[in-house]
Amino acid sequence: MYLCKGIEKHKRMYKPIKIDREKLTIMDVSFPDLSTLDRTASAIGSNMYEGFEPSASHIALIRDYIMNKITFLQFVESAKKMIHA
C-alpha cells in the first residue's frame, strides 16, 4: 500500500515535456541527431524523476554539454546562474 501512495505522488509531480523525434526537438530546442536527442532526454528524464522541471534553456544547456560544446565547469556555472536568476 505504501508503494502505491509513493507512485501516485510521483505521477502528480510529473509534467511531460514535448519531444518530437521526427523534428529532432525537445521543447522546441533542436538537436543535430537522434543520438544526442536521446542522450539529452535520458539525462533530463532521470532528473525529472527527482523533481526537476526543465525549461528550454535547461535543455539547451544539457544538449551543449552532451555535445562537448561546453566544459563541465561551464555547465555548472551556467546552471548556477539559471538557479539564481
N, C-alpha and C. Protein backbone atom coordinates (compact mmCIF):
# COMPACT_ATOMS: atom_id res chain seq x y z
N MET A 1 0.82 -1.19 0.00
CA MET A 1 0.00 0.00 0.00
C MET A 1 0.86 1.25 0.00
N TYR A 2 1.90 1.28 0.80
CA TYR A 2 2.79 2.44 0.87
C TYR A 2 3.43 2.76 -0.47
N LEU A 3 3.87 1.72 -1.19
CA LEU A 3 4.49 1.93 -2.50
C LEU A 3 3.52 2.61 -3.47
N CYS A 4 2.28 2.20 -3.44
CA CYS A 4 1.28 2.80 -4.35
C CYS A 4 1.12 4.27 -4.07
N LYS A 5 1.10 4.66 -2.80
CA LYS A 5 0.98 6.08 -2.47
C LYS A 5 2.18 6.85 -3.01
N GLY A 6 3.37 6.29 -2.88
CA GLY A 6 4.57 6.94 -3.40
C GLY A 6 4.52 7.09 -4.90
N ILE A 7 4.05 6.08 -5.60
CA ILE A 7 3.94 6.14 -7.05
C ILE A 7 2.92 7.20 -7.45
N GLU A 8 1.80 7.25 -6.76
CA GLU A 8 0.78 8.26 -7.07
C GLU A 8 1.33 9.66 -6.87
N LYS A 9 2.13 9.85 -5.84
CA LYS A 9 2.73 11.16 -5.59
C LYS A 9 3.61 11.56 -6.76
N HIS A 10 4.43 10.64 -7.27
CA HIS A 10 5.30 10.93 -8.40
C HIS A 10 4.50 11.19 -9.68
N LYS A 11 3.40 10.49 -9.85
CA LYS A 11 2.56 10.72 -11.03
C LYS A 11 2.01 12.14 -11.03
N ARG A 12 1.63 12.64 -9.87
CA ARG A 12 1.11 14.00 -9.78
C ARG A 12 2.21 15.03 -10.02
N MET A 13 3.44 14.73 -9.64
CA MET A 13 4.55 15.66 -9.79
C MET A 13 5.08 15.69 -11.23
N TYR A 14 4.90 14.63 -11.95
CA TYR A 14 5.46 14.50 -13.29
C TYR A 14 4.73 15.38 -14.28
N LYS A 15 5.49 16.20 -14.99
CA LYS A 15 4.93 17.03 -16.05
C LYS A 15 5.61 16.63 -17.35
N PRO A 16 4.89 16.02 -18.27
CA PRO A 16 5.52 15.57 -19.52
C PRO A 16 6.08 16.75 -20.31
N ILE A 17 7.16 16.48 -21.03
CA ILE A 17 7.74 17.50 -21.90
C ILE A 17 7.55 17.07 -23.35
N LYS A 18 7.54 18.03 -24.22
CA LYS A 18 7.30 17.78 -25.64
C LYS A 18 8.59 17.31 -26.32
N ILE A 19 8.58 16.07 -26.79
CA ILE A 19 9.71 15.51 -27.53
C ILE A 19 9.21 15.11 -28.91
N ASP A 20 9.85 15.65 -29.94
CA ASP A 20 9.49 15.32 -31.32
C ASP A 20 10.70 14.66 -31.97
N ARG A 21 10.67 13.35 -32.05
CA ARG A 21 11.80 12.60 -32.59
C ARG A 21 11.93 12.77 -34.10
N GLU A 22 10.88 13.13 -34.78
CA GLU A 22 10.96 13.36 -36.23
C GLU A 22 11.61 14.71 -36.54
N LYS A 23 11.22 15.73 -35.78
CA LYS A 23 11.80 17.06 -35.98
C LYS A 23 13.10 17.25 -35.20
N LEU A 24 13.45 16.25 -34.39
CA LEU A 24 14.64 16.29 -33.53
C LEU A 24 14.60 17.49 -32.60
N THR A 25 13.51 17.60 -31.81
CA THR A 25 13.39 18.68 -30.84
C THR A 25 12.88 18.17 -29.50
N ILE A 26 13.29 18.84 -28.47
CA ILE A 26 12.73 18.67 -27.12
C ILE A 26 12.33 20.06 -26.68
N MET A 27 11.06 20.25 -26.38
CA MET A 27 10.51 21.56 -26.01
C MET A 27 10.96 22.64 -27.01
N ASP A 28 10.93 22.27 -28.28
CA ASP A 28 11.30 23.13 -29.40
C ASP A 28 12.78 23.50 -29.47
N VAL A 29 13.62 22.86 -28.67
CA VAL A 29 15.08 23.02 -28.76
C VAL A 29 15.56 21.98 -29.76
N SER A 30 16.29 22.41 -30.78
CA SER A 30 16.69 21.49 -31.85
C SER A 30 17.97 20.73 -31.51
N PHE A 31 18.06 19.55 -32.13
CA PHE A 31 19.21 18.66 -31.94
C PHE A 31 19.75 18.25 -33.30
N PRO A 32 21.06 18.01 -33.38
CA PRO A 32 21.66 17.67 -34.67
C PRO A 32 21.38 16.24 -35.13
N ASP A 33 21.07 15.36 -34.15
CA ASP A 33 20.85 13.95 -34.49
C ASP A 33 20.05 13.27 -33.39
N LEU A 34 19.53 12.11 -33.70
CA LEU A 34 18.68 11.36 -32.78
C LEU A 34 19.46 10.88 -31.55
N SER A 35 20.71 10.53 -31.72
CA SER A 35 21.51 10.06 -30.60
C SER A 35 21.65 11.14 -29.53
N THR A 36 21.94 12.35 -29.94
CA THR A 36 22.09 13.45 -28.99
C THR A 36 20.76 13.76 -28.32
N LEU A 37 19.69 13.73 -29.09
CA LEU A 37 18.36 13.94 -28.52
C LEU A 37 18.06 12.88 -27.47
N ASP A 38 18.31 11.62 -27.79
CA ASP A 38 18.03 10.53 -26.85
C ASP A 38 18.87 10.64 -25.58
N ARG A 39 20.13 10.98 -25.72
CA ARG A 39 21.01 11.12 -24.55
C ARG A 39 20.55 12.27 -23.66
N THR A 40 20.15 13.36 -24.29
CA THR A 40 19.66 14.52 -23.54
C THR A 40 18.34 14.18 -22.85
N ALA A 41 17.44 13.54 -23.57
CA ALA A 41 16.15 13.16 -22.99
C ALA A 41 16.34 12.22 -21.80
N SER A 42 17.28 11.32 -21.90
CA SER A 42 17.56 10.39 -20.80
C SER A 42 18.08 11.14 -19.58
N ALA A 43 19.00 12.08 -19.79
CA ALA A 43 19.53 12.86 -18.68
C ALA A 43 18.44 13.69 -18.02
N ILE A 44 17.59 14.30 -18.83
CA ILE A 44 16.50 15.12 -18.30
C ILE A 44 15.50 14.25 -17.55
N GLY A 45 15.14 13.12 -18.14
CA GLY A 45 14.17 12.22 -17.52
C GLY A 45 14.62 11.74 -16.16
N SER A 46 15.87 11.39 -16.04
CA SER A 46 16.40 10.93 -14.75
C SER A 46 16.25 12.01 -13.69
N ASN A 47 16.50 13.24 -14.07
CA ASN A 47 16.40 14.34 -13.11
C ASN A 47 14.96 14.76 -12.85
N MET A 48 14.09 14.59 -13.84
CA MET A 48 12.68 14.90 -13.63
C MET A 48 12.07 13.97 -12.60
N TYR A 49 12.55 12.75 -12.56
CA TYR A 49 12.07 11.80 -11.56
C TYR A 49 12.33 12.33 -10.15
N GLU A 50 13.39 13.11 -10.01
CA GLU A 50 13.75 13.69 -8.72
C GLU A 50 13.10 15.05 -8.48
N GLY A 51 12.26 15.51 -9.44
CA GLY A 51 11.54 16.75 -9.24
C GLY A 51 11.98 17.91 -10.12
N PHE A 52 12.99 17.71 -10.97
CA PHE A 52 13.48 18.76 -11.86
C PHE A 52 12.42 19.10 -12.90
N GLU A 53 12.16 20.40 -13.08
CA GLU A 53 11.23 20.86 -14.10
C GLU A 53 12.01 21.68 -15.13
N PRO A 54 12.39 21.07 -16.24
CA PRO A 54 13.26 21.75 -17.20
C PRO A 54 12.56 22.84 -18.00
N SER A 55 13.34 23.84 -18.35
CA SER A 55 12.89 24.87 -19.29
C SER A 55 13.66 24.63 -20.59
N ALA A 56 13.33 25.36 -21.62
CA ALA A 56 14.06 25.25 -22.88
C ALA A 56 15.53 25.61 -22.68
N SER A 57 15.80 26.58 -21.81
CA SER A 57 17.20 26.97 -21.53
C SER A 57 17.97 25.83 -20.89
N HIS A 58 17.32 25.11 -19.96
CA HIS A 58 17.98 23.96 -19.34
C HIS A 58 18.30 22.90 -20.39
N ILE A 59 17.34 22.66 -21.27
CA ILE A 59 17.54 21.63 -22.29
C ILE A 59 18.69 22.00 -23.22
N ALA A 60 18.75 23.25 -23.62
CA ALA A 60 19.85 23.70 -24.48
C ALA A 60 21.19 23.57 -23.77
N LEU A 61 21.22 23.87 -22.49
CA LEU A 61 22.45 23.76 -21.71
C LEU A 61 22.91 22.30 -21.63
N ILE A 62 21.99 21.40 -21.32
CA ILE A 62 22.34 19.98 -21.24
C ILE A 62 22.78 19.46 -22.60
N ARG A 63 22.07 19.85 -23.66
CA ARG A 63 22.45 19.46 -25.03
C ARG A 63 23.88 19.90 -25.33
N ASP A 64 24.19 21.15 -25.02
CA ASP A 64 25.53 21.68 -25.31
C ASP A 64 26.61 20.93 -24.54
N TYR A 65 26.32 20.54 -23.30
CA TYR A 65 27.28 19.77 -22.53
C TYR A 65 27.46 18.38 -23.14
N ILE A 66 26.39 17.73 -23.49
CA ILE A 66 26.46 16.39 -24.09
C ILE A 66 27.23 16.43 -25.40
N MET A 67 27.09 17.53 -26.14
CA MET A 67 27.78 17.66 -27.44
C MET A 67 29.21 18.17 -27.29
N ASN A 68 29.67 18.33 -26.04
CA ASN A 68 31.03 18.83 -25.76
C ASN A 68 31.25 20.25 -26.27
N LYS A 69 30.18 21.04 -26.35
CA LYS A 69 30.32 22.44 -26.74
C LYS A 69 30.76 23.29 -25.55
N ILE A 70 30.48 22.79 -24.34
CA ILE A 70 30.91 23.46 -23.12
C ILE A 70 31.51 22.43 -22.18
N THR A 71 32.37 22.90 -21.31
CA THR A 71 33.00 22.01 -20.32
C THR A 71 32.05 21.79 -19.15
N PHE A 72 32.42 20.83 -18.30
CA PHE A 72 31.60 20.58 -17.12
C PHE A 72 31.56 21.82 -16.23
N LEU A 73 32.70 22.50 -16.07
CA LEU A 73 32.74 23.71 -15.25
C LEU A 73 31.82 24.79 -15.83
N GLN A 74 31.84 24.97 -17.14
CA GLN A 74 30.93 25.93 -17.78
C GLN A 74 29.47 25.52 -17.57
N PHE A 75 29.21 24.23 -17.65
CA PHE A 75 27.86 23.71 -17.40
C PHE A 75 27.39 24.07 -16.00
N VAL A 76 28.24 23.81 -15.01
CA VAL A 76 27.88 24.08 -13.61
C VAL A 76 27.68 25.58 -13.39
N GLU A 77 28.57 26.39 -13.91
CA GLU A 77 28.44 27.84 -13.74
C GLU A 77 27.16 28.36 -14.38
N SER A 78 26.84 27.88 -15.56
CA SER A 78 25.61 28.30 -16.24
C SER A 78 24.38 27.85 -15.47
N ALA A 79 24.43 26.63 -14.95
CA ALA A 79 23.29 26.11 -14.18
C ALA A 79 23.09 26.94 -12.92
N LYS A 80 24.18 27.33 -12.25
CA LYS A 80 24.08 28.18 -11.06
C LYS A 80 23.41 29.51 -11.40
N LYS A 81 23.80 30.09 -12.51
CA LYS A 81 23.22 31.37 -12.93
C LYS A 81 21.72 31.23 -13.18
N MET A 82 21.32 30.09 -13.78
CA MET A 82 19.89 29.86 -14.04
C MET A 82 19.11 29.74 -12.74
N ILE A 83 19.71 29.11 -11.76
CA ILE A 83 19.04 28.92 -10.47
C ILE A 83 18.83 30.26 -9.77
N HIS A 84 19.84 31.13 -9.86
CA HIS A 84 19.79 32.40 -9.14
C HIS A 84 19.22 33.55 -9.96
N ALA A 85 18.75 33.26 -11.16
CA ALA A 85 18.20 34.33 -12.00
C ALA A 85 16.80 34.70 -11.60
